[in-house]
Amino acid sequence: MTYEEIIKKIKNLEIQGAENIAVKAVEAFALKLKETQDKKKLLKYFEELKALRATEPGLRNALKYCLENYVSNKKVTEYVINHFKQSKEKIAEYGAKKIHNGMKVFTHCHSSTVEAILIKAKKQGKNFTVYNTETRPKFQGRITAQELAAQGIKVIHFVDSAGRSVLRKCDLFLFGCDALTSEGKVINKIGTEMLAECARDSRIPAYSCTNSWKLDPQTLFGFDEEIEERNSKEVWESPPKGVQIYNPAFEIVAPDIFTGVITELGIYKPETLIMAVKDAYQWILQ
């Protein structure tokens, strides 16, 4: 794909998932690195790419690393892309240990990281069933259902409004992450908080599964992570007069309502993860 094609696909949600977005943005930046080494021009592309999606610090951090290291490391974009690939393999290894034979595992929306955990567990010979929401209005849950079914994993798919009643019958809730804050909050697909509260009330372990590069360093200084609001036409193409459509893409999940975060650094309580990130990736917080 060309630089322009990648931008268009990210804007149009043809490229979805926080890590997929970050990787594709880095690939776009790599195309421009082949054209120029001029810092001023590259800064322009950096600003253009990081503005594509509001609630994606993984995208911003990945591009920041590339911009700050392209002179000293000629293969910086390859390094960043490999980081996401290798990290996902580690997360899958750690997360698969939480899955046991006969389990009912609940998921919401589409997370390539959650998907990797489930596929890893399947390859280890574990038999389990995945219960998965359709995730309106863009139906990202269908991507999860299709890709897991293709791996021979049994999937039961249902409307979002059945989420609470289904989750109560499950053993484990795994969900993705679009952003992490310094206070241990997770920002994920709208609906996640309601489901996490249900899991807590039903004493069902609930884990956010994510690369730790999604920590937003600006939240250390009091800034709030922006919650992206999408086009109202996704919900209702032509609503009647007097009906206003509210279509937030994400919501905040407080750290005290879910069990932990499964990352490439290990499994942490949400509020302690920032110290692990500080030790491993000091540059993110600078």
Protein backbone atom coordinates (compact mmCIF):
# COMPACT_ATOMS: atom_id res chain seq x y z
CA MET A 1 0.00 0.00 0.00
CA THR A 2 1.02 3.59 -0.58
CA TYR A 3 1.28 6.21 2.15
CA GLU A 4 -2.02 7.76 1.01
CA GLU A 5 -3.79 4.38 0.90
CA ILE A 6 -2.76 3.56 4.46
CA ILE A 7 -4.04 6.93 5.69
CA LYS A 8 -7.35 6.41 3.92
CA LYS A 9 -7.82 2.89 5.28
CA ILE A 10 -7.10 3.96 8.87
CA LYS A 11 -9.50 6.90 8.57
CA ASN A 12 -12.23 4.71 7.07
CA LEU A 13 -11.79 2.03 9.77
CA GLU A 14 -10.71 -0.52 7.16
CA ILE A 15 -7.66 -0.97 9.36
CA GLN A 16 -8.86 -1.66 12.91
CA GLY A 17 -7.35 -2.66 16.23
CA ALA A 18 -4.90 -0.47 18.13
CA GLU A 19 -1.81 -2.53 17.30
CA ASN A 20 -2.76 -3.00 13.66
CA ILE A 21 -3.23 0.76 13.37
CA ALA A 22 0.16 1.43 15.00
CA VAL A 23 1.96 -1.05 12.76
CA LYS A 24 0.39 0.27 9.57
CA ALA A 25 1.18 3.86 10.55
CA VAL A 26 4.82 2.84 11.09
CA GLU A 27 4.81 1.18 7.67
CA ALA A 28 3.53 4.45 6.20
CA PHE A 29 6.28 6.38 8.01
CA ALA A 30 8.83 3.91 6.64
CA LEU A 31 7.71 4.76 3.10
CA LYS A 32 8.44 8.42 3.76
CA LEU A 33 11.80 7.58 5.34
CA LYS A 34 12.81 6.07 2.00
CA GLU A 35 12.02 9.39 0.31
CA THR A 36 13.65 11.80 2.75
CA GLN A 37 15.79 12.11 5.87
CA ASP A 38 14.81 15.74 6.39
CA LYS A 39 13.59 16.16 9.97
CA LYS A 40 11.17 18.97 9.14
CA LYS A 41 9.43 16.94 6.42
CA LEU A 42 9.34 13.81 8.58
CA LEU A 43 7.84 15.82 11.44
CA LYS A 44 5.01 16.83 9.10
CA TYR A 45 4.28 13.18 8.28
CA PHE A 46 4.57 12.28 11.96
CA GLU A 47 1.92 14.86 12.88
CA GLU A 48 -0.35 13.75 10.05
CA LEU A 49 -0.16 10.07 10.99
CA LYS A 50 -0.56 10.47 14.74
CA ALA A 51 -3.68 12.59 14.22
CA LEU A 52 -5.49 9.82 12.32
CA ARG A 53 -7.13 8.37 15.43
CA ALA A 54 -7.70 10.23 18.68
CA THR A 55 -7.71 7.44 21.26
CA GLU A 56 -4.55 5.61 20.18
CA PRO A 57 -1.38 6.32 22.22
CA GLY A 58 0.14 3.11 20.84
CA LEU A 59 0.10 4.78 17.44
CA ARG A 60 1.66 7.96 18.82
CA ASN A 61 4.34 6.15 20.86
CA ALA A 62 5.36 3.94 17.95
CA LEU A 63 5.74 6.94 15.65
CA LYS A 64 7.57 8.90 18.34
CA TYR A 65 10.14 6.12 18.71
CA CYS A 66 10.68 6.09 14.94
CA LEU A 67 11.07 9.87 14.72
CA GLU A 68 13.54 10.01 17.60
CA ASN A 69 15.70 7.09 16.45
CA TYR A 70 15.69 7.02 12.64
CA VAL A 71 19.12 8.67 12.45
CA SER A 72 20.89 6.29 14.86
CA ASN A 73 18.99 3.18 13.74
CA LYS A 74 18.44 2.76 9.99
CA LYS A 75 16.10 -0.15 10.68
CA VAL A 76 14.03 1.61 13.32
CA THR A 77 10.68 0.91 11.65
CA GLU A 78 11.53 -2.78 11.38
CA TYR A 79 12.43 -2.77 15.08
CA VAL A 80 9.09 -1.24 16.06
CA ILE A 81 7.08 -3.64 13.90
CA ASN A 82 9.02 -6.60 15.34
CA HIS A 83 8.40 -5.26 18.85
CA PHE A 84 4.64 -5.53 18.34
CA LYS A 85 4.95 -8.98 16.78
CA GLN A 86 7.21 -10.40 19.49
CA SER A 87 5.22 -8.74 22.27
CA LYS A 88 2.01 -10.31 21.01
CA GLU A 89 3.67 -13.73 21.12
CA LYS A 90 4.67 -13.15 24.76
CA ILE A 91 1.22 -11.92 25.71
CA ALA A 92 -0.33 -14.95 24.02
CA GLU A 93 1.96 -17.23 26.03
CA TYR A 94 1.10 -15.57 29.35
CA GLY A 95 -2.60 -15.25 28.60
CA ALA A 96 -3.02 -18.83 27.41
CA LYS A 97 -2.06 -19.99 30.90
CA LYS A 98 -5.31 -18.46 32.17
CA ILE A 99 -7.36 -20.72 29.90
CA HIS A 100 -8.19 -24.30 30.93
CA ASN A 101 -10.12 -27.18 29.42
CA GLY A 102 -13.88 -26.77 29.49
CA MET A 103 -13.77 -23.01 30.06
CA LYS A 104 -16.28 -20.51 28.73
CA VAL A 105 -14.30 -17.44 27.69
CA PHE A 106 -16.12 -14.16 27.06
CA THR A 107 -14.83 -11.50 24.63
CA HIS A 108 -16.08 -8.10 23.48
CA CYS A 109 -15.33 -6.42 20.14
CA HIS A 110 -12.22 -7.44 18.18
CA SER A 111 -8.77 -7.50 19.73
CA SER A 112 -5.94 -9.14 17.80
CA THR A 113 -4.15 -9.65 21.12
CA VAL A 114 -7.08 -11.47 22.73
CA GLU A 115 -7.39 -13.47 19.52
CA ALA A 116 -3.70 -14.45 19.75
CA ILE A 117 -4.21 -15.70 23.33
CA LEU A 118 -7.18 -17.84 22.36
CA ILE A 119 -5.44 -19.30 19.31
CA LYS A 120 -2.36 -20.07 21.42
CA ALA A 121 -4.51 -21.92 23.96
CA LYS A 122 -6.16 -23.89 21.16
CA LYS A 123 -2.78 -24.89 19.74
CA GLN A 124 -1.82 -26.14 23.21
CA GLY A 125 -4.66 -28.64 22.90
CA LYS A 126 -7.11 -26.92 25.21
CA ASN A 127 -10.82 -27.23 24.49
CA PHE A 128 -12.96 -24.23 25.38
CA THR A 129 -15.82 -22.15 24.03
CA VAL A 130 -15.65 -18.45 23.22
CA TYR A 131 -18.73 -16.28 23.82
CA ASN A 132 -18.47 -13.15 21.75
CA THR A 133 -20.53 -9.96 21.30
CA GLU A 134 -21.44 -8.67 17.85
CA THR A 135 -20.25 -5.17 18.90
CA ARG A 136 -22.45 -2.59 17.25
CA PRO A 137 -22.52 -0.39 15.33
CA LYS A 138 -19.60 -1.65 13.17
CA PHE A 139 -19.96 -5.33 14.17
CA GLN A 140 -16.25 -5.85 14.92
CA GLY A 141 -17.22 -8.92 16.93
CA ARG A 142 -17.93 -10.68 13.67
CA ILE A 143 -14.23 -10.41 12.81
CA THR A 144 -13.40 -12.17 16.07
CA ALA A 145 -15.99 -14.87 15.45
CA GLN A 146 -14.84 -15.53 11.89
CA GLU A 147 -11.14 -15.67 12.69
CA LEU A 148 -11.52 -17.89 15.76
CA ALA A 149 -13.90 -20.25 13.97
CA ALA A 150 -11.33 -20.58 11.18
CA GLN A 151 -8.90 -21.87 13.83
CA GLY A 152 -11.34 -24.56 14.95
CA ILE A 153 -12.42 -22.73 18.10
CA LYS A 154 -16.09 -23.04 19.05
CA VAL A 155 -17.73 -19.61 19.08
CA ILE A 156 -21.16 -18.54 20.31
CA HIS A 157 -22.06 -15.11 18.94
CA PHE A 158 -24.85 -12.88 20.27
CA VAL A 159 -26.30 -9.37 20.33
CA ASP A 160 -24.66 -6.83 22.65
CA SER A 161 -27.74 -6.51 24.86
CA ALA A 162 -27.37 -10.19 25.82
CA GLY A 163 -23.87 -9.54 27.15
CA ARG A 164 -24.65 -9.38 30.86
CA SER A 165 -26.78 -12.52 30.92
CA VAL A 166 -24.21 -14.49 28.92
CA LEU A 167 -21.17 -13.26 30.86
CA ARG A 168 -22.65 -14.48 34.15
CA LYS A 169 -22.35 -18.03 32.81
CA CYS A 170 -18.70 -17.67 31.75
CA ASP A 171 -15.42 -18.40 33.56
CA LEU A 172 -13.15 -15.68 32.17
CA PHE A 173 -13.46 -12.30 30.45
CA LEU A 174 -10.67 -11.18 28.11
CA PHE A 175 -10.81 -7.78 26.42
CA GLY A 176 -8.44 -5.55 24.51
CA CYS A 177 -7.17 -2.04 25.10
CA ASP A 178 -6.81 1.11 23.04
CA ALA A 179 -5.16 3.23 25.73
CA LEU A 180 -3.71 2.99 29.23
CA THR A 181 -3.47 5.90 31.65
CA SER A 182 -0.97 6.58 34.42
CA GLU A 183 -3.76 5.90 36.95
CA GLY A 184 -4.28 2.37 35.69
CA LYS A 185 -7.40 3.12 33.70
CA VAL A 186 -8.00 1.22 30.48
CA ILE A 187 -9.80 2.77 27.54
CA ASN A 188 -11.48 0.16 25.37
CA LYS A 189 -14.50 -0.34 23.13
CA ILE A 190 -17.75 1.14 24.42
CA GLY A 191 -19.58 -1.45 26.51
CA THR A 192 -16.45 -2.83 28.16
CA GLU A 193 -17.02 -1.09 31.50
CA MET A 194 -20.55 -2.46 31.88
CA LEU A 195 -19.26 -5.96 31.16
CA ALA A 196 -16.29 -5.56 33.53
CA GLU A 197 -18.66 -4.49 36.31
CA CYS A 198 -20.77 -7.57 35.67
CA ALA A 199 -17.66 -9.78 35.79
CA ARG A 200 -16.61 -8.21 39.11
CA ASP A 201 -20.06 -8.68 40.62
CA SER A 202 -20.11 -12.30 39.45
CA ARG A 203 -16.52 -12.91 40.64
CA ILE A 204 -15.33 -13.71 37.14
CA PRO A 205 -11.67 -12.85 36.42
CA ALA A 206 -11.40 -10.06 33.83
CA TYR A 207 -8.16 -9.12 32.09
CA SER A 208 -7.24 -6.40 29.63
CA CYS A 209 -4.77 -7.84 27.11
CA THR A 210 -2.41 -5.29 25.61
CA ASN A 211 1.00 -4.13 24.54
CA SER A 212 2.29 -1.72 27.19
CA TRP A 213 3.27 0.85 24.54
CA LYS A 214 -0.38 1.96 24.72
CA LEU A 215 0.36 3.91 27.90
CA ASP A 216 -0.34 7.60 27.29
CA PRO A 217 2.50 9.57 28.93
CA GLN A 218 0.45 12.78 28.87
CA THR A 219 -1.87 11.36 31.52
CA LEU A 220 1.03 11.67 33.98
CA PHE A 221 0.59 15.43 33.79
CA GLY A 222 -3.17 15.64 34.25
CA PHE A 223 -4.28 15.35 30.65
CA ASP A 224 -7.28 13.14 29.95
CA GLU A 225 -7.22 10.62 27.14
CA GLU A 226 -9.53 11.85 24.41
CA ILE A 227 -12.52 9.59 23.74
CA GLU A 228 -13.15 9.37 20.03
CA GLU A 229 -16.72 9.98 18.89
CA ARG A 230 -17.58 8.52 15.50
CA ASN A 231 -19.96 9.47 12.72
CA SER A 232 -23.61 9.34 13.75
CA LYS A 233 -24.49 7.65 10.45
CA GLU A 234 -22.86 4.46 11.75
CA VAL A 235 -25.79 4.21 14.16
CA TRP A 236 -28.67 5.62 12.12
CA GLU A 237 -28.30 6.81 8.55
CA SER A 238 -31.31 9.18 8.59
CA PRO A 239 -32.74 9.66 12.09
CA PRO A 240 -36.03 11.55 12.44
CA LYS A 241 -36.05 15.22 13.29
CA GLY A 242 -35.44 15.82 16.98
CA VAL A 243 -33.34 12.66 17.46
CA GLN A 244 -29.66 13.28 18.19
CA ILE A 245 -27.22 10.38 17.85
CA TYR A 246 -24.40 9.81 20.33
CA ASN A 247 -21.74 7.40 19.05
CA PRO A 248 -18.67 7.15 21.33
CA ALA A 249 -16.15 4.58 20.16
CA PHE A 250 -14.56 3.92 23.56
CA GLU A 251 -15.03 4.30 27.30
CA ILE A 252 -12.91 4.30 30.45
CA VAL A 253 -12.68 1.14 32.54
CA ALA A 254 -11.67 1.95 36.13
CA PRO A 255 -8.80 -0.16 37.55
CA ASP A 256 -10.78 -1.40 40.54
CA ILE A 257 -13.36 -3.28 38.46
CA PHE A 258 -11.11 -5.70 36.59
CA THR A 259 -8.49 -8.20 37.67
CA GLY A 260 -5.34 -7.21 35.82
CA VAL A 261 -3.52 -6.40 32.60
CA ILE A 262 -1.76 -9.07 30.55
CA THR A 263 1.21 -7.45 28.79
CA GLU A 264 4.49 -8.45 27.19
CA LEU A 265 6.14 -7.45 30.50
CA GLY A 266 3.98 -9.85 32.52
CA ILE A 267 0.62 -9.67 34.28
CA TYR A 268 0.08 -6.65 36.52
CA LYS A 269 -2.56 -4.92 38.55
CA PRO A 270 -3.56 -1.92 36.43
CA GLU A 271 -2.30 0.71 38.83
CA THR A 272 1.18 -0.88 39.14
CA LEU A 273 1.79 -1.41 35.44
CA ILE A 274 3.15 2.10 34.97
CA MET A 275 6.20 1.30 37.10
CA ALA A 276 6.98 -1.71 34.91
CA VAL A 277 6.65 0.44 31.80
CA LYS A 278 8.92 3.07 33.35
CA ASP A 279 11.60 0.45 33.97
CA ALA A 280 11.34 -1.16 30.53
CA TYR A 281 10.63 1.84 28.29
CA GLN A 282 11.87 5.01 29.93
CA TRP A 283 11.58 6.91 26.63
CA ILE A 284 7.78 6.65 26.64
CA LEU A 285 7.54 8.83 29.74
CA GLN A 286 9.95 11.48 28.55
